[in-house]
Protein backbone atom coordinates (compact mmCIF):
# COMPACT_ATOMS: atom_id res chain seq x y z
CA UNK A 1 -6.29 9.34 7.43
CA UNK A 2 -3.85 7.53 9.68
CA UNK A 3 -6.44 4.89 10.65
CA UNK A 4 -7.36 4.29 7.03
CA UNK A 5 -3.73 3.72 6.00
CA UNK A 6 -3.35 1.25 8.86
CA UNK A 7 -6.53 -0.55 7.89
CA UNK A 8 -5.40 -0.80 4.26
CA UNK A 9 -2.07 -2.20 5.44
CA UNK A 10 -3.89 -4.95 7.32
CA UNK A 11 -6.26 -5.66 4.43
CA UNK A 12 -3.30 -6.18 2.08
CA UNK A 13 -1.63 -8.62 4.50
CA UNK A 14 -2.16 -12.34 4.24
CA UNK A 15 -5.46 -12.97 6.10
CA UNK A 16 -3.78 -15.83 7.97
CA UNK A 17 -1.44 -13.26 9.57
CA UNK A 18 -4.09 -10.82 10.88
CA UNK A 19 -7.17 -11.03 13.09
CA UNK A 20 -9.68 -11.05 10.21
CA UNK A 21 -12.78 -10.33 12.29
CA UNK A 22 -11.10 -7.38 14.02
CA UNK A 23 -9.90 -6.04 10.67
CA UNK A 24 -13.40 -6.35 9.19
CA UNK A 25 -14.91 -4.64 12.22
CA UNK A 26 -12.45 -1.74 11.86
CA UNK A 27 -13.25 -1.64 8.16
CA UNK A 28 -16.98 -1.34 8.75
CA UNK A 29 -16.47 1.34 11.40
CA UNK A 30 -14.22 3.38 9.11
CA UNK A 31 -16.60 2.95 6.18
CA UNK A 32 -19.45 4.23 8.36
CA UNK A 33 -17.37 7.19 9.46
CA UNK A 34 -16.42 8.00 5.85
CA UNK A 35 -20.07 7.76 4.85
CA UNK A 36 -21.06 10.32 7.49
CA UNK A 37 -18.49 12.66 5.93
CA UNK A 38 -20.11 12.18 2.55
CA UNK A 39 -16.98 10.50 1.25
CA UNK A 40 -17.20 8.09 -1.71
CA UNK A 41 -14.44 5.92 -0.25
CA UNK A 42 -16.98 4.28 2.03
CA UNK A 43 -18.80 2.60 -0.84
CA UNK A 44 -15.69 0.98 -2.32
CA UNK A 45 -14.43 -0.06 1.10
CA UNK A 46 -17.79 -1.68 1.89
CA UNK A 47 -17.80 -3.41 -1.51
CA UNK A 48 -14.33 -4.80 -0.84
CA UNK A 49 -15.30 -5.99 2.65
CA UNK A 50 -18.10 -8.12 1.17
CA UNK A 51 -15.39 -10.23 -0.55
CA UNK A 52 -12.90 -10.19 2.32
CA UNK A 53 -11.15 -12.38 3.36
CA UNK A 54 -9.98 -14.23 0.28
CA UNK A 55 -9.22 -17.92 0.53
CA UNK A 56 -5.61 -18.75 1.39
CA UNK A 57 -5.10 -20.16 -2.10
CA UNK A 58 -6.51 -17.06 -3.77
CA UNK A 59 -4.33 -14.70 -1.73
CA UNK A 60 -1.15 -16.75 -2.25
CA UNK A 61 -1.84 -17.10 -5.98
CA UNK A 62 -2.43 -13.37 -6.37
CA UNK A 63 0.23 -11.88 -4.09
CA UNK A 64 2.78 -14.42 -2.82
CA UNK A 65 4.27 -17.54 -4.44
CA UNK A 66 5.05 -16.78 -8.10
CA UNK A 67 2.48 -14.01 -7.70
CA UNK A 68 0.32 -12.62 -10.45
CA UNK A 69 0.61 -9.21 -8.76
CA UNK A 70 3.41 -9.02 -6.17
CA UNK A 71 2.89 -6.64 -3.27
CA UNK A 72 6.42 -5.28 -3.75
CA UNK A 73 6.27 -1.87 -5.42
CA UNK A 74 9.70 -2.18 -7.02
CA UNK A 75 8.67 -5.38 -8.80
CA UNK A 76 6.27 -3.27 -10.87
CA UNK A 77 8.82 -0.60 -11.71
CA UNK A 78 12.00 -2.53 -12.46
CA UNK A 79 12.83 -5.69 -14.37
CA UNK A 80 14.00 -8.61 -12.31
CA UNK A 81 17.73 -9.29 -12.75
CA UNK A 82 18.68 -12.57 -14.44
CA UNK A 83 21.79 -13.22 -12.37
CA UNK A 84 23.02 -12.61 -8.84
CA UNK A 85 25.62 -10.20 -10.18
CA UNK A 86 22.90 -8.13 -11.86
CA UNK A 87 20.88 -8.14 -8.63
CA UNK A 88 23.66 -6.28 -6.88
CA UNK A 89 23.51 -3.37 -9.31
CA UNK A 90 19.82 -3.26 -10.18
CA UNK A 91 17.86 -0.02 -10.10
CA UNK A 92 15.48 -1.65 -7.65
CA UNK A 93 18.29 -1.69 -5.07
CA UNK A 94 18.61 2.10 -5.32
CA UNK A 95 14.84 2.39 -5.06
CA UNK A 96 14.80 0.38 -1.84
CA UNK A 97 17.79 2.25 -0.42
CA UNK A 98 15.92 5.51 -1.06
CA UNK A 99 12.80 4.15 0.67
CA UNK A 100 14.90 3.07 3.65
CA UNK A 101 16.43 6.55 3.70
CA UNK A 102 12.97 8.09 3.90
CA UNK A 103 11.98 5.70 6.69
CA UNK A 104 15.16 6.58 8.57
CA UNK A 105 14.57 10.31 8.02
CA UNK A 106 11.28 9.95 9.89
CA UNK A 107 12.88 7.84 12.61
CA UNK A 108 11.21 4.62 11.52
CA UNK A 109 12.88 1.24 11.55
CA UNK A 110 11.12 -1.17 9.23
CA UNK A 111 10.52 -4.82 10.05
CA UNK A 112 13.61 -6.63 8.82
CA UNK A 113 11.72 -9.68 7.58
CA UNK A 114 10.19 -7.70 4.71
CA UNK A 115 11.69 -5.58 1.96
CA UNK A 116 11.10 -1.83 2.29
CA UNK A 117 8.90 -1.76 -0.83
CA UNK A 118 6.36 -4.25 0.59
CA UNK A 119 3.00 -2.49 0.22
CA UNK A 120 1.72 -3.08 3.79
CA UNK A 121 5.01 -1.64 5.11
CA UNK A 122 4.71 1.39 2.81
CA UNK A 123 1.15 1.94 4.07
CA UNK A 124 2.33 1.76 7.68
CA UNK A 125 4.97 4.37 6.81
CA UNK A 126 2.24 6.62 5.38
CA UNK A 127 0.12 6.12 8.51
CA UNK A 128 2.95 6.83 10.90
CA UNK A 129 3.98 9.98 9.01
CA UNK A 130 0.49 11.32 8.25
CA UNK A 131 0.78 14.06 10.88
CA UNK A 132 4.47 14.88 10.43
CA UNK A 133 5.72 18.28 9.37
CA UNK A 134 8.43 16.96 7.03
CA UNK A 135 5.95 16.95 4.18
CA UNK A 136 8.48 17.56 1.39
CA UNK A 137 10.25 14.26 1.96
CA UNK A 138 6.98 12.44 2.52
CA UNK A 139 5.42 14.11 -0.52
CA UNK A 140 8.39 13.14 -2.67
CA UNK A 141 8.03 9.53 -1.52
CA UNK A 142 4.38 9.53 -2.48
CA UNK A 143 4.89 11.24 -5.85
CA UNK A 144 8.09 9.54 -7.01
CA UNK A 145 8.21 6.17 -5.28
CA UNK A 146 4.68 5.09 -4.37
CA UNK A 147 2.22 6.42 -6.97
CA UNK A 148 4.03 5.13 -10.09
CA UNK A 149 4.14 1.59 -8.68
CA UNK A 150 0.54 1.69 -7.46
CA UNK A 151 -0.67 2.70 -10.92
CA UNK A 152 1.01 -0.37 -12.43
CA UNK A 153 -0.26 -2.64 -9.67
CA UNK A 154 -3.79 -1.37 -10.21
CA UNK A 155 -3.51 -1.99 -13.97
CA UNK A 156 -2.39 -5.56 -13.27
CA UNK A 157 -5.27 -6.20 -10.88
CA UNK A 158 -7.68 -4.81 -13.45
CA UNK A 159 -6.27 -7.22 -16.07
CA UNK A 160 -6.77 -10.07 -13.60
CA UNK A 161 -10.31 -9.00 -12.71
CA UNK A 162 -9.47 -9.06 -8.99
CA UNK A 163 -11.77 -7.42 -6.45
CA UNK A 164 -8.61 -6.08 -4.79
CA UNK A 165 -8.90 -3.29 -7.34
CA UNK A 166 -11.55 -1.82 -5.02
CA UNK A 167 -8.90 -1.50 -2.31
CA UNK A 168 -6.51 0.13 -4.76
CA UNK A 169 -9.21 2.63 -5.67
CA UNK A 170 -9.65 3.46 -1.98
CA UNK A 171 -5.88 3.86 -1.64
CA UNK A 172 -5.63 6.05 -4.77
CA UNK A 173 -8.36 8.35 -3.47
CA UNK A 174 -6.76 8.49 -0.03
CA UNK A 175 -3.40 9.45 -1.57
CA UNK A 176 -5.12 12.19 -3.60
CA UNK A 177 -6.60 13.60 -0.40
CA UNK A 178 -3.23 13.27 1.30
CA UNK A 179 -1.45 15.16 -1.49
CA UNK A 180 -4.12 17.88 -1.46
CA UNK A 181 -3.69 18.23 2.31
CA UNK A 182 0.06 18.58 1.80
CA UNK A 183 -0.34 21.19 -0.96
CA UNK A 184 -2.64 23.25 1.24
CA UNK A 185 0.07 23.34 3.93
CA UNK A 186 2.66 24.78 1.51
């Protein structure tokens, strides 16, 4: 599970910022492993890898500059403030403070050049905490902070007809398995 979260984090990053061939190789290895387990995730991961990497223009248009689907979870849950004064009191600030609190609870210090709701960072958090015993805090993060935003992001990608929806389907299934694993522990 940990390796899959890390792979997804890399696949959601700008391809110019990762070693694409290494990421693809890891993707094919994980898809093969999932296939041997009889897991349906392998098919969607393999389908996605046939399109990967996107062109720089495609990635930037979809996820970065005036993005059609920003990779910031809070952007899908809260309206953007119209003024600087509103930015200081927006609900998204509380959301990010809560995410930072969860990261701190697990002893993680996020990269300061990204906001805490940046999807690749959230996926790294899930990978790094996959084997931790503090499942209630982690479970709450998944249920209350991550899943609602991912559902909206997936809807947006579906509207856009983006093949990145395949990656969201892999992530949704992985989170379901993760939640089931957590519920079994209780």
